[in-house]
PDB file of N, CA and C in Angstrom:
ATOM      1  N   UNK A   1       3.118  49.371 -19.329  1.00  0.00           N
ATOM      2  CA  UNK A   1       1.751  48.892 -19.492  1.00  0.00           C
ATOM      3  C   UNK A   1       1.729  47.376 -19.691  1.00  0.00           C
ATOM      4  N   UNK A   2       2.670  46.884 -20.503  1.00  0.00           N
ATOM      5  CA  UNK A   2       2.754  45.456 -20.770  1.00  0.00           C
ATOM      6  C   UNK A   2       3.047  44.680 -19.482  1.00  0.00           C
ATOM      7  N   UNK A   3       3.887  45.256 -18.623  1.00  0.00           N
ATOM      8  CA  UNK A   3       4.215  44.600 -17.347  1.00  0.00           C
ATOM      9  C   UNK A   3       2.986  44.459 -16.467  1.00  0.00           C
ATOM     10  N   UNK A   4       2.132  45.457 -16.474  1.00  0.00           N
ATOM     11  CA  UNK A   4       0.904  45.412 -15.669  1.00  0.00           C
ATOM     12  C   UNK A   4      -0.016  44.316 -16.185  1.00  0.00           C
ATOM     13  N   UNK A   5      -0.159  44.236 -17.504  1.00  0.00           N
ATOM     14  CA  UNK A   5      -1.020  43.214 -18.112  1.00  0.00           C
ATOM     15  C   UNK A   5      -0.472  41.818 -17.800  1.00  0.00           C
ATOM     16  N   UNK A   6       0.839  41.644 -17.901  1.00  0.00           N
ATOM     17  CA  UNK A   6       1.453  40.347 -17.581  1.00  0.00           C
ATOM     18  C   UNK A   6       1.243  39.998 -16.109  1.00  0.00           C
ATOM     19  N   UNK A   7       1.364  40.985 -15.240  1.00  0.00           N
ATOM     20  CA  UNK A   7       1.154  40.756 -13.811  1.00  0.00           C
ATOM     21  C   UNK A   7      -0.278  40.356 -13.507  1.00  0.00           C
ATOM     22  N   UNK A   8      -1.229  41.042 -14.132  1.00  0.00           N
ATOM     23  CA  UNK A   8      -2.641  40.715 -13.929  1.00  0.00           C
ATOM     24  C   UNK A   8      -2.930  39.312 -14.473  1.00  0.00           C
ATOM     25  N   UNK A   9      -2.364  38.982 -15.629  1.00  0.00           N
ATOM     26  CA  UNK A   9      -2.574  37.643 -16.214  1.00  0.00           C
ATOM     27  C   UNK A   9      -2.003  36.563 -15.300  1.00  0.00           C
ATOM     28  N   UNK A  10      -0.827  36.799 -14.745  1.00  0.00           N
ATOM     29  CA  UNK A  10      -0.217  35.826 -13.834  1.00  0.00           C
ATOM     30  C   UNK A  10      -1.062  35.673 -12.572  1.00  0.00           C
ATOM     31  N   UNK A  11      -1.558  36.783 -12.022  1.00  0.00           N
ATOM     32  CA  UNK A  11      -2.411  36.730 -10.834  1.00  0.00           C
ATOM     33  C   UNK A  11      -3.712  35.994 -11.126  1.00  0.00           C
ATOM     34  N   UNK A  12      -4.275  36.227 -12.296  1.00  0.00           N
ATOM     35  CA  UNK A  12      -5.517  35.565 -12.688  1.00  0.00           C
ATOM     36  C   UNK A  12      -5.294  34.061 -12.837  1.00  0.00           C
ATOM     37  N   UNK A  13      -4.157  33.674 -13.409  1.00  0.00           N
ATOM     38  CA  UNK A  13      -3.844  32.260 -13.568  1.00  0.00           C
ATOM     39  C   UNK A  13      -3.682  31.592 -12.197  1.00  0.00           C
ATOM     40  N   UNK A  14      -2.975  32.253 -11.297  1.00  0.00           N
ATOM     41  CA  UNK A  14      -2.782  31.721  -9.952  1.00  0.00           C
ATOM     42  C   UNK A  14      -4.119  31.580  -9.229  1.00  0.00           C
ATOM     43  N   UNK A  15      -4.962  32.573  -9.341  1.00  0.00           N
ATOM     44  CA  UNK A  15      -6.283  32.535  -8.719  1.00  0.00           C
ATOM     45  C   UNK A  15      -7.120  31.388  -9.279  1.00  0.00           C
ATOM     46  N   UNK A  16      -7.023  31.152 -10.579  1.00  0.00           N
ATOM     47  CA  UNK A  16      -7.746  30.057 -11.221  1.00  0.00           C
ATOM     48  C   UNK A  16      -7.268  28.706 -10.695  1.00  0.00           C
ATOM     49  N   UNK A  17      -5.950  28.548 -10.553  1.00  0.00           N
ATOM     50  CA  UNK A  17      -5.383  27.299 -10.043  1.00  0.00           C
ATOM     51  C   UNK A  17      -5.824  27.070  -8.602  1.00  0.00           C
ATOM     52  N   UNK A  18      -5.762  28.100  -7.786  1.00  0.00           N
ATOM     53  CA  UNK A  18      -6.171  27.973  -6.381  1.00  0.00           C
ATOM     54  C   UNK A  18      -7.655  27.628  -6.291  1.00  0.00           C
ATOM     55  N   UNK A  19      -8.479  28.275  -7.083  1.00  0.00           N
ATOM     56  CA  UNK A  19      -9.916  27.999  -7.084  1.00  0.00           C
ATOM     57  C   UNK A  19     -10.190  26.557  -7.509  1.00  0.00           C
ATOM     58  N   UNK A  20      -9.523  26.099  -8.564  1.00  0.00           N
ATOM     59  CA  UNK A  20      -9.718  24.726  -9.054  1.00  0.00           C
ATOM     60  C   UNK A  20      -9.282  23.711  -8.003  1.00  0.00           C
ATOM     61  N   UNK A  21      -8.158  23.969  -7.356  1.00  0.00           N
ATOM     62  CA  UNK A  21      -7.670  23.061  -6.310  1.00  0.00           C
ATOM     63  C   UNK A  21      -8.647  23.033  -5.133  1.00  0.00           C
ATOM     64  N   UNK A  22      -9.148  24.190  -4.754  1.00  0.00           N
ATOM     65  CA  UNK A  22     -10.116  24.261  -3.661  1.00  0.00           C
ATOM     66  C   UNK A  22     -11.412  23.555  -4.002  1.00  0.00           C
ATOM     67  N   UNK A  23     -11.849  23.706  -5.227  1.00  0.00           N
ATOM     68  CA  UNK A  23     -13.070  23.028  -5.677  1.00  0.00           C
ATOM     69  C   UNK A  23     -12.882  21.520  -5.643  1.00  0.00           C
ATOM     70  N   UNK A  24     -11.748  21.044  -6.160  1.00  0.00           N
ATOM     71  CA  UNK A  24     -11.474  19.601  -6.172  1.00  0.00           C
ATOM     72  C   UNK A  24     -11.361  19.061  -4.748  1.00  0.00           C
ATOM     73  N   UNK A  25     -10.696  19.802  -3.877  1.00  0.00           N
ATOM     74  CA  UNK A  25     -10.556  19.369  -2.477  1.00  0.00           C
ATOM     75  C   UNK A  25     -11.917  19.329  -1.796  1.00  0.00           C
ATOM     76  N   UNK A  26     -12.741  20.329  -2.037  1.00  0.00           N
ATOM     77  CA  UNK A  26     -14.078  20.355  -1.450  1.00  0.00           C
ATOM     78  C   UNK A  26     -14.924  19.186  -1.918  1.00  0.00           C
ATOM     79  N   UNK A  27     -14.830  18.876  -3.212  1.00  0.00           N
ATOM     80  CA  UNK A  27     -15.575  17.749  -3.762  1.00  0.00           C
ATOM     81  C   UNK A  27     -15.093  16.435  -3.139  1.00  0.00           C
ATOM     82  N   UNK A  28     -13.783  16.314  -2.968  1.00  0.00           N
ATOM     83  CA  UNK A  28     -13.214  15.114  -2.359  1.00  0.00           C
ATOM     84  C   UNK A  28     -13.680  14.972  -0.913  1.00  0.00           C
ATOM     85  N   UNK A  29     -13.648  16.061  -0.158  1.00  0.00           N
ATOM     86  CA  UNK A  29     -14.001  16.014   1.261  1.00  0.00           C
ATOM     87  C   UNK A  29     -15.488  15.781   1.500  1.00  0.00           C
ATOM     88  N   UNK A  30     -16.325  16.073   0.513  1.00  0.00           N
ATOM     89  CA  UNK A  30     -17.763  15.831   0.656  1.00  0.00           C
ATOM     90  C   UNK A  30     -18.119  14.362   0.412  1.00  0.00           C
ATOM     91  N   UNK A  31     -17.191  13.591  -0.117  1.00  0.00           N
ATOM     92  CA  UNK A  31     -17.446  12.174  -0.351  1.00  0.00           C
ATOM     93  C   UNK A  31     -17.459  11.428   0.984  1.00  0.00           C
ATOM     94  N   UNK A  32     -18.133  10.276   1.020  1.00  0.00           N
ATOM     95  CA  UNK A  32     -18.106   9.474   2.252  1.00  0.00           C
ATOM     96  C   UNK A  32     -16.664   9.090   2.607  1.00  0.00           C
ATOM     97  N   UNK A  33     -16.418   8.937   3.887  1.00  0.00           N
ATOM     98  CA  UNK A  33     -15.065   8.657   4.372  1.00  0.00           C
ATOM     99  C   UNK A  33     -14.485   7.394   3.722  1.00  0.00           C
ATOM    100  N   UNK A  34     -15.307   6.379   3.548  1.00  0.00           N
ATOM    101  CA  UNK A  34     -14.851   5.123   2.937  1.00  0.00           C
ATOM    102  C   UNK A  34     -14.381   5.361   1.497  1.00  0.00           C
ATOM    103  N   UNK A  35     -15.101   6.170   0.770  1.00  0.00           N
ATOM    104  CA  UNK A  35     -14.747   6.487  -0.620  1.00  0.00           C
ATOM    105  C   UNK A  35     -13.433   7.279  -0.655  1.00  0.00           C
ATOM    106  N   UNK A  36     -13.276   8.218   0.268  1.00  0.00           N
ATOM    107  CA  UNK A  36     -12.025   8.976   0.354  1.00  0.00           C
ATOM    108  C   UNK A  36     -10.848   8.035   0.602  1.00  0.00           C
ATOM    109  N   UNK A  37     -11.031   7.118   1.546  1.00  0.00           N
ATOM    110  CA  UNK A  37      -9.971   6.173   1.897  1.00  0.00           C
ATOM    111  C   UNK A  37      -9.610   5.299   0.690  1.00  0.00           C
ATOM    112  N   UNK A  38     -10.608   4.853  -0.068  1.00  0.00           N
ATOM    113  CA  UNK A  38     -10.357   4.039  -1.254  1.00  0.00           C
ATOM    114  C   UNK A  38      -9.523   4.813  -2.277  1.00  0.00           C
ATOM    115  N   UNK A  39      -9.867   6.090  -2.467  1.00  0.00           N
ATOM    116  CA  UNK A  39      -9.106   6.907  -3.429  1.00  0.00           C
ATOM    117  C   UNK A  39      -7.680   7.121  -2.969  1.00  0.00           C
ATOM    118  N   UNK A  40      -7.498   7.369  -1.683  1.00  0.00           N
ATOM    119  CA  UNK A  40      -6.149   7.564  -1.147  1.00  0.00           C
ATOM    120  C   UNK A  40      -5.338   6.282  -1.323  1.00  0.00           C
ATOM    121  N   UNK A  41      -5.945   5.143  -1.015  1.00  0.00           N
ATOM    122  CA  UNK A  41      -5.231   3.880  -1.132  1.00  0.00           C
ATOM    123  C   UNK A  41      -4.888   3.553  -2.577  1.00  0.00           C
ATOM    124  N   UNK A  42      -5.775   3.861  -3.500  1.00  0.00           N
ATOM    125  CA  UNK A  42      -5.473   3.657  -4.923  1.00  0.00           C
ATOM    126  C   UNK A  42      -4.320   4.565  -5.341  1.00  0.00           C
ATOM    127  N   UNK A  43      -4.332   5.797  -4.874  1.00  0.00           N
ATOM    128  CA  UNK A  43      -3.240   6.728  -5.179  1.00  0.00           C
ATOM    129  C   UNK A  43      -1.940   6.230  -4.554  1.00  0.00           C
ATOM    130  N   UNK A  44      -2.004   5.695  -3.335  1.00  0.00           N
ATOM    131  CA  UNK A  44      -0.800   5.188  -2.662  1.00  0.00           C
ATOM    132  C   UNK A  44      -0.159   4.049  -3.445  1.00  0.00           C
ATOM    133  N   UNK A  45      -0.954   3.235  -4.087  1.00  0.00           N
ATOM    134  CA  UNK A  45      -0.416   2.156  -4.914  1.00  0.00           C
ATOM    135  C   UNK A  45       0.490   2.743  -6.000  1.00  0.00           C
ATOM    136  N   UNK A  46      -0.004   3.803  -6.648  1.00  0.00           N
ATOM    137  CA  UNK A  46       0.810   4.484  -7.658  1.00  0.00           C
ATOM    138  C   UNK A  46       2.037   5.129  -7.020  1.00  0.00           C
ATOM    139  N   UNK A  47       1.856   5.819  -5.906  1.00  0.00           N
ATOM    140  CA  UNK A  47       2.952   6.559  -5.274  1.00  0.00           C
ATOM    141  C   UNK A  47       4.069   5.626  -4.820  1.00  0.00           C
ATOM    142  N   UNK A  48       3.705   4.509  -4.208  1.00  0.00           N
ATOM    143  CA  UNK A  48       4.706   3.552  -3.733  1.00  0.00           C
ATOM    144  C   UNK A  48       5.510   3.012  -4.911  1.00  0.00           C
ATOM    145  N   UNK A  49       4.829   2.664  -5.983  1.00  0.00           N
ATOM    146  CA  UNK A  49       5.502   2.143  -7.173  1.00  0.00           C
ATOM    147  C   UNK A  49       6.409   3.203  -7.788  1.00  0.00           C
ATOM    148  N   UNK A  50       5.911   4.411  -7.870  1.00  0.00           N
ATOM    149  CA  UNK A  50       6.670   5.515  -8.444  1.00  0.00           C
ATOM    150  C   UNK A  50       7.936   5.809  -7.640  1.00  0.00           C
ATOM    151  N   UNK A  51       7.805   5.876  -6.328  1.00  0.00           N
ATOM    152  CA  UNK A  51       8.954   6.165  -5.465  1.00  0.00           C
ATOM    153  C   UNK A  51       9.961   5.020  -5.514  1.00  0.00           C
ATOM    154  N   UNK A  52       9.478   3.801  -5.591  1.00  0.00           N
ATOM    155  CA  UNK A  52      10.387   2.650  -5.679  1.00  0.00           C
ATOM    156  C   UNK A  52      11.224   2.735  -6.949  1.00  0.00           C
ATOM    157  N   UNK A  53      10.612   3.102  -8.061  1.00  0.00           N
ATOM    158  CA  UNK A  53      11.355   3.250  -9.313  1.00  0.00           C
ATOM    159  C   UNK A  53      12.333   4.413  -9.235  1.00  0.00           C
ATOM    160  N   UNK A  54      11.910   5.483  -8.598  1.00  0.00           N
ATOM    161  CA  UNK A  54      12.714   6.700  -8.494  1.00  0.00           C
ATOM    162  C   UNK A  54      13.916   6.524  -7.565  1.00  0.00           C
ATOM    163  N   UNK A  55      13.734   5.773  -6.470  1.00  0.00           N
ATOM    164  CA  UNK A  55      14.754   5.689  -5.420  1.00  0.00           C
ATOM    165  C   UNK A  55      15.177   4.237  -5.162  1.00  0.00           C
ATOM    166  N   UNK A  56      15.453   3.484  -6.189  1.00  0.00           N
ATOM    167  CA  UNK A  56      15.705   2.043  -6.091  1.00  0.00           C
ATOM    168  C   UNK A  56      16.588   1.618  -4.924  1.00  0.00           C
ATOM    169  N   UNK A  57      17.769   2.192  -4.789  1.00  0.00           N
ATOM    170  CA  UNK A  57      18.705   1.726  -3.772  1.00  0.00           C
ATOM    171  C   UNK A  57      18.595   2.428  -2.429  1.00  0.00           C
ATOM    172  N   UNK A  58      17.670   3.352  -2.307  1.00  0.00           N
ATOM    173  CA  UNK A  58      17.557   4.128  -1.065  1.00  0.00           C
ATOM    174  C   UNK A  58      16.939   3.286   0.051  1.00  0.00           C
ATOM    175  N   UNK A  59      17.258   3.615   1.292  1.00  0.00           N
ATOM    176  CA  UNK A  59      16.644   2.906   2.421  1.00  0.00           C
ATOM    177  C   UNK A  59      15.129   3.110   2.450  1.00  0.00           C
ATOM    178  N   UNK A  60      14.440   2.132   3.030  1.00  0.00           N
ATOM    179  CA  UNK A  60      12.984   2.177   3.099  1.00  0.00           C
ATOM    180  C   UNK A  60      12.441   3.408   3.808  1.00  0.00           C
ATOM    181  N   UNK A  61      13.153   3.865   4.827  1.00  0.00           N
ATOM    182  CA  UNK A  61      12.683   5.053   5.575  1.00  0.00           C
ATOM    183  C   UNK A  61      12.679   6.297   4.693  1.00  0.00           C
ATOM    184  N   UNK A  62      13.670   6.420   3.818  1.00  0.00           N
ATOM    185  CA  UNK A  62      13.699   7.568   2.896  1.00  0.00           C
ATOM    186  C   UNK A  62      12.560   7.480   1.889  1.00  0.00           C
ATOM    187  N   UNK A  63      12.295   6.270   1.419  1.00  0.00           N
ATOM    188  CA  UNK A  63      11.191   6.080   0.475  1.00  0.00           C
ATOM    189  C   UNK A  63       9.859   6.407   1.145  1.00  0.00           C
ATOM    190  N   UNK A  64       9.704   5.937   2.385  1.00  0.00           N
ATOM    191  CA  UNK A  64       8.480   6.231   3.139  1.00  0.00           C
ATOM    192  C   UNK A  64       8.313   7.731   3.313  1.00  0.00           C
ATOM    193  N   UNK A  65       9.393   8.418   3.627  1.00  0.00           N
ATOM    194  CA  UNK A  65       9.344   9.873   3.801  1.00  0.00           C
ATOM    195  C   UNK A  65       8.921  10.567   2.510  1.00  0.00           C
ATOM    196  N   UNK A  66       9.443  10.074   1.382  1.00  0.00           N
ATOM    197  CA  UNK A  66       9.098  10.662   0.077  1.00  0.00           C
ATOM    198  C   UNK A  66       7.611  10.437  -0.220  1.00  0.00           C
ATOM    199  N   UNK A  67       7.121   9.229   0.037  1.00  0.00           N
ATOM    200  CA  UNK A  67       5.695   8.943  -0.190  1.00  0.00           C
ATOM    201  C   UNK A  67       4.836   9.807   0.729  1.00  0.00           C
ATOM    202  N   UNK A  68       5.273   9.973   1.980  1.00  0.00           N
ATOM    203  CA  UNK A  68       4.502  10.797   2.925  1.00  0.00           C
ATOM    204  C   UNK A  68       4.469  12.259   2.467  1.00  0.00           C
ATOM    205  N   UNK A  69       5.601  12.768   2.008  1.00  0.00           N
ATOM    206  CA  UNK A  69       5.623  14.152   1.510  1.00  0.00           C
ATOM    207  C   UNK A  69       4.674  14.324   0.327  1.00  0.00           C
ATOM    208  N   UNK A  70       4.666  13.354  -0.573  1.00  0.00           N
ATOM    209  CA  UNK A  70       3.752  13.401  -1.722  1.00  0.00           C
ATOM    210  C   UNK A  70       2.299  13.348  -1.256  1.00  0.00           C
ATOM    211  N   UNK A  71       2.043  12.508  -0.257  1.00  0.00           N
ATOM    212  CA  UNK A  71       0.695  12.361   0.307  1.00  0.00           C
ATOM    213  C   UNK A  71       0.201  13.680   0.905  1.00  0.00           C
ATOM    214  N   UNK A  72       1.057  14.325   1.676  1.00  0.00           N
ATOM    215  CA  UNK A  72       0.686  15.598   2.312  1.00  0.00           C
ATOM    216  C   UNK A  72       0.390  16.658   1.253  1.00  0.00           C
ATOM    217  N   UNK A  73       1.162  16.660   0.169  1.00  0.00           N
ATOM    218  CA  UNK A  73       0.906  17.617  -0.911  1.00  0.00           C
ATOM    219  C   UNK A  73      -0.400  17.316  -1.637  1.00  0.00           C
ATOM    220  N   UNK A  74      -0.668  16.036  -1.865  1.00  0.00           N
ATOM    221  CA  UNK A  74      -1.835  15.632  -2.652  1.00  0.00           C
ATOM    222  C   UNK A  74      -3.127  15.669  -1.833  1.00  0.00           C
ATOM    223  N   UNK A  75      -3.046  15.282  -0.563  1.00  0.00           N
ATOM    224  CA  UNK A  75      -4.229  15.187   0.299  1.00  0.00           C
ATOM    225  C   UNK A  75      -3.989  15.899   1.637  1.00  0.00           C
ATOM    226  N   UNK A  76      -3.815  17.211   1.634  1.00  0.00           N
ATOM    227  CA  UNK A  76      -3.477  17.906   2.886  1.00  0.00           C
ATOM    228  C   UNK A  76      -4.532  17.760   3.981  1.00  0.00           C
ATOM    229  N   UNK A  77      -5.796  17.780   3.623  1.00  0.00           N
ATOM    230  CA  UNK A  77      -6.843  17.660   4.646  1.00  0.00           C
ATOM    231  C   UNK A  77      -6.860  16.258   5.248  1.00  0.00           C
ATOM    232  N   UNK A  78      -6.668  15.255   4.423  1.00  0.00           N
ATOM    233  CA  UNK A  78      -6.643  13.878   4.912  1.00  0.00           C
ATOM    234  C   UNK A  78      -5.415  13.673   5.791  1.00  0.00           C
ATOM    235  N   UNK A  79      -4.295  14.271   5.389  1.00  0.00           N
ATOM    236  CA  UNK A  79      -3.057  14.133   6.164  1.00  0.00           C
ATOM    237  C   UNK A  79      -3.230  14.685   7.581  1.00  0.00           C
ATOM    238  N   UNK A  80      -4.032  15.721   7.728  1.00  0.00           N
ATOM    239  CA  UNK A  80      -4.291  16.272   9.062  1.00  0.00           C
ATOM    240  C   UNK A  80      -5.172  15.345   9.894  1.00  0.00           C
ATOM    241  N   UNK A  81      -6.036  14.588   9.236  1.00  0.00           N
ATOM    242  CA  UNK A  81      -6.997  13.763   9.951  1.00  0.00           C
ATOM    243  C   UNK A  81      -6.509  12.337  10.213  1.00  0.00           C
ATOM    244  N   UNK A  82      -5.422  11.935   9.536  1.00  0.00           N
ATOM    245  CA  UNK A  82      -4.944  10.545   9.634  1.00  0.00           C
ATOM    246  C   UNK A  82      -3.615  10.528  10.378  1.00  0.00           C
ATOM    247  N   UNK A  83      -3.494   9.604  11.323  1.00  0.00           N
ATOM    248  CA  UNK A  83      -2.229   9.496  12.060  1.00  0.00           C
ATOM    249  C   UNK A  83      -1.148   8.918  11.150  1.00  0.00           C
ATOM    250  N   UNK A  84       0.096   9.154  11.514  1.00  0.00           N
ATOM    251  CA  UNK A  84       1.212   8.617  10.742  1.00  0.00           C
ATOM    252  C   UNK A  84       1.206   7.094  10.802  1.00  0.00           C
ATOM    253  N   UNK A  85       0.803   6.520  11.929  1.00  0.00           N
ATOM    254  CA  UNK A  85       0.716   5.057  12.046  1.00  0.00           C
ATOM    255  C   UNK A  85      -0.292   4.482  11.048  1.00  0.00           C
ATOM    256  N   UNK A  86      -1.431   5.133  10.926  1.00  0.00           N
ATOM    257  CA  UNK A  86      -2.434   4.686   9.956  1.00  0.00           C
ATOM    258  C   UNK A  86      -1.888   4.812   8.547  1.00  0.00           C
ATOM    259  N   UNK A  87      -1.216   5.932   8.272  1.00  0.00           N
ATOM    260  CA  UNK A  87      -0.604   6.119   6.966  1.00  0.00           C
ATOM    261  C   UNK A  87       0.380   4.984   6.676  1.00  0.00           C
ATOM    262  N   UNK A  88       1.205   4.622   7.655  1.00  0.00           N
ATOM    263  CA  UNK A  88       2.173   3.535   7.475  1.00  0.00           C
ATOM    264  C   UNK A  88       1.472   2.212   7.186  1.00  0.00           C
ATOM    265  N   UNK A  89       0.342   1.969   7.838  1.00  0.00           N
ATOM    266  CA  UNK A  89      -0.438   0.755   7.565  1.00  0.00           C
ATOM    267  C   UNK A  89      -0.937   0.761   6.122  1.00  0.00           C
ATOM    268  N   UNK A  90      -1.409   1.925   5.667  1.00  0.00           N
ATOM    269  CA  UNK A  90      -1.875   2.034   4.289  1.00  0.00           C
ATOM    270  C   UNK A  90      -0.730   1.775   3.306  1.00  0.00           C
ATOM    271  N   UNK A  91       0.449   2.289   3.615  1.00  0.00           N
ATOM    272  CA  UNK A  91       1.611   2.057   2.757  1.00  0.00           C
ATOM    273  C   UNK A  91       1.963   0.574   2.742  1.00  0.00           C
ATOM    274  N   UNK A  92       1.935  -0.065   3.903  1.00  0.00           N
ATOM    275  CA  UNK A  92       2.199  -1.508   3.965  1.00  0.00           C
ATOM    276  C   UNK A  92       1.190  -2.286   3.110  1.00  0.00           C
ATOM    277  N   UNK A  93      -0.082  -1.894   3.184  1.00  0.00           N
ATOM    278  CA  UNK A  93      -1.108  -2.531   2.353  1.00  0.00           C
ATOM    279  C   UNK A  93      -0.800  -2.338   0.867  1.00  0.00           C
ATOM    280  N   UNK A  94      -0.394  -1.131   0.504  1.00  0.00           N
ATOM    281  CA  UNK A  94      -0.061  -0.842  -0.900  1.00  0.00           C
ATOM    282  C   UNK A  94       1.142  -1.680  -1.348  1.00  0.00           C
ATOM    283  N   UNK A  95       2.129  -1.813  -0.484  1.00  0.00           N
ATOM    284  CA  UNK A  95       3.303  -2.623  -0.828  1.00  0.00           C
ATOM    285  C   UNK A  95       2.917  -4.091  -1.019  1.00  0.00           C
ATOM    286  N   UNK A  96       2.063  -4.605  -0.144  1.00  0.00           N
ATOM    287  CA  UNK A  96       1.600  -5.991  -0.309  1.00  0.00           C
ATOM    288  C   UNK A  96       0.851  -6.162  -1.630  1.00  0.00           C
ATOM    289  N   UNK A  97       0.040  -5.175  -1.975  1.00  0.00           N
ATOM    290  CA  UNK A  97      -0.717  -5.246  -3.224  1.00  0.00           C
ATOM    291  C   UNK A  97       0.220  -5.196  -4.432  1.00  0.00           C
ATOM    292  N   UNK A  98       1.258  -4.375  -4.362  1.00  0.00           N
ATOM    293  CA  UNK A  98       2.232  -4.308  -5.453  1.00  0.00           C
ATOM    294  C   UNK A  98       2.907  -5.677  -5.626  1.00  0.00           C
ATOM    295  N   UNK A  99       3.289  -6.286  -4.520  1.00  0.00           N
ATOM    296  CA  UNK A  99       3.927  -7.611  -4.585  1.00  0.00           C
ATOM    297  C   UNK A  99       2.966  -8.618  -5.208  1.00  0.00           C
ATOM    298  N   UNK A 100       1.691  -8.595  -4.797  1.00  0.00           N
ATOM    299  CA  UNK A 100       0.692  -9.502  -5.377  1.00  0.00           C
ATOM    300  C   UNK A 100       0.542  -9.275  -6.873  1.00  0.00           C
ATOM    301  N   UNK A 101       0.454  -8.011  -7.281  1.00  0.00           N
ATOM    302  CA  UNK A 101       0.305  -7.705  -8.700  1.00  0.00           C
ATOM    303  C   UNK A 101       1.515  -8.183  -9.492  1.00  0.00           C
ATOM    304  N   UNK A 102       2.704  -7.958  -8.956  1.00  0.00           N
ATOM    305  CA  UNK A 102       3.916  -8.403  -9.642  1.00  0.00           C
ATOM    306  C   UNK A 102       3.988  -9.922  -9.700  1.00  0.00           C
ATOM    307  N   UNK A 103       3.606 -10.586  -8.624  1.00  0.00           N
ATOM    308  CA  UNK A 103       3.605 -12.052  -8.598  1.00  0.00           C
ATOM    309  C   UNK A 103       2.603 -12.600  -9.608  1.00  0.00           C
ATOM    310  N   UNK A 104       1.399 -12.014  -9.643  1.00  0.00           N
ATOM    311  CA  UNK A 104       0.388 -12.439 -10.612  1.00  0.00           C
ATOM    312  C   UNK A 104       0.869 -12.220 -12.041  1.00  0.00           C
ATOM    313  N   UNK A 105       1.500 -11.081 -12.292  1.00  0.00           N
ATOM    314  CA  UNK A 105       2.011 -10.782 -13.634  1.00  0.00           C
ATOM    315  C   UNK A 105       3.105 -11.768 -14.027  1.00  0.00           C
ATOM    316  N   UNK A 106       3.971 -12.098 -13.076  1.00  0.00           N
ATOM    317  CA  UNK A 106       5.042 -13.042 -13.337  1.00  0.00           C
ATOM    318  C   UNK A 106       4.471 -14.434 -13.619  1.00  0.00           C
ATOM    319  N   UNK A 107       3.469 -14.846 -12.860  1.00  0.00           N
ATOM    320  CA  UNK A 107       2.822 -16.140 -13.067  1.00  0.00           C
ATOM    321  C   UNK A 107       2.147 -16.181 -14.433  1.00  0.00           C
ATOM    322  N   UNK A 108       1.444 -15.108 -14.789  1.00  0.00           N
ATOM    323  CA  UNK A 108       0.799 -15.044 -16.103  1.00  0.00           C
ATOM    324  C   UNK A 108       1.837 -15.120 -17.217  1.00  0.00           C
ATOM    325  N   UNK A 109       2.954 -14.444 -17.025  1.00  0.00           N
ATOM    326  CA  UNK A 109       4.023 -14.457 -18.023  1.00  0.00           C
ATOM    327  C   UNK A 109       4.592 -15.857 -18.176  1.00  0.00           C
ATOM    328  N   UNK A 110       4.802 -16.558 -17.067  1.00  0.00           N
ATOM    329  CA  UNK A 110       5.331 -17.920 -17.124  1.00  0.00           C
ATOM    330  C   UNK A 110       4.317 -18.850 -17.784  1.00  0.00           C
ATOM    331  N   UNK A 111       3.025 -18.655 -17.503  1.00  0.00           N
ATOM    332  CA  UNK A 111       1.980 -19.464 -18.129  1.00  0.00           C
ATOM    333  C   UNK A 111       1.959 -19.236 -19.633  1.00  0.00           C
ATOM    334  N   UNK A 112       2.081 -17.984 -20.069  1.00  0.00           N
ATOM    335  CA  UNK A 112       2.103 -17.661 -21.497  1.00  0.00           C
ATOM    336  C   UNK A 112       3.308 -18.296 -22.175  1.00  0.00           C
ATOM    337  N   UNK A 113       4.465 -18.232 -21.519  1.00  0.00           N
ATOM    338  CA  UNK A 113       5.678 -18.825 -22.069  1.00  0.00           C
ATOM    339  C   UNK A 113       5.523 -20.335 -22.193  1.00  0.00           C
ATOM    340  N   UNK A 114       4.960 -20.976 -21.175  1.00  0.00           N
ATOM    341  CA  UNK A 114       4.740 -22.422 -21.215  1.00  0.00           C
ATOM    342  C   UNK A 114       3.759 -22.785 -22.324  1.00  0.00           C
ATOM    343  N   UNK A 115       2.719 -21.988 -22.492  1.00  0.00           N
ATOM    344  CA  UNK A 115       1.733 -22.232 -23.533  1.00  0.00           C
ATOM    345  C   UNK A 115       2.368 -22.118 -24.914  1.00  0.00           C
ATOM    346  N   UNK A 116       3.202 -21.112 -25.108  1.00  0.00           N
ATOM    347  CA  UNK A 116       3.892 -20.943 -26.398  1.00  0.00           C
ATOM    348  C   UNK A 116       4.840 -22.105 -26.649  1.00  0.00           C
ATOM    349  N   UNK A 117       5.473 -22.589 -25.584  1.00  0.00           N
ATOM    350  CA  UNK A 117       6.368 -23.742 -25.717  1.00  0.00           C
ATOM    351  C   UNK A 117       5.616 -24.988 -26.131  1.00  0.00           C
ATOM    352  N   UNK A 118       4.413 -25.200 -25.582  1.00  0.00           N
ATOM    353  CA  UNK A 118       3.584 -26.338 -25.954  1.00  0.00           C
ATOM    354  C   UNK A 118       3.171 -26.248 -27.417  1.00  0.00           C
ATOM    355  N   UNK A 119       2.801 -25.036 -27.841  1.00  0.00           N
ATOM    356  CA  UNK A 119       2.393 -24.837 -29.234  1.00  0.00           C
ATOM    357  C   UNK A 119       3.548 -25.120 -30.174  1.00  0.00           C
ATOM    358  N   UNK A 120       4.758 -24.705 -29.796  1.00  0.00           N
ATOM    359  CA  UNK A 120       5.940 -24.930 -30.634  1.00  0.00           C
ATOM    360  C   UNK A 120       6.264 -26.413 -30.711  1.00  0.00           C
ATOM    361  N   UNK A 121       6.051 -27.155 -29.610  1.00  0.00           N
ATOM    362  CA  UNK A 121       6.316 -28.584 -29.602  1.00  0.00           C
ATOM    363  C   UNK A 121       5.352 -29.333 -30.514  1.00  0.00           C
ATOM    364  N   UNK A 122       4.138 -28.828 -30.646  1.00  0.00           N
ATOM    365  CA  UNK A 122       3.123 -29.507 -31.454  1.00  0.00           C
ATOM    366  C   UNK A 122       3.352 -29.300 -32.947  1.00  0.00           C
ATOM    367  N   UNK A 123       4.095 -28.306 -33.327  1.00  0.00           N
ATOM    368  CA  UNK A 123       4.306 -28.003 -34.750  1.00  0.00           C
ATOM    369  C   UNK A 123       5.352 -28.866 -35.355  1.00  0.00           C
TER     370      UNK A 123
END
């Protein structure tokens, strides 16, 4: 009897997860195409950074493959509608943005260090 209850509970949990995923996907797909693209690109920024940390010394093609696999899992409907070339362009855009963010952060850090040095000189 306990096995039946556990089986029903597991089936109910799986059904709940599938329903929630379907609801979220439906809500995403009802958004304007531009809004969908913005969300995908924001997610790609995270994915590219995450994969870079995870696979530091790996070749770029392996990293791209990992990001693409994550993309297909996260956005299966979009993956069907977007060519791989377009996806690669989006990844390139995300990589450029990561470089800009890192450069800006490094510049801000150097400015803060210089400012602290000036304050120390004045004391």
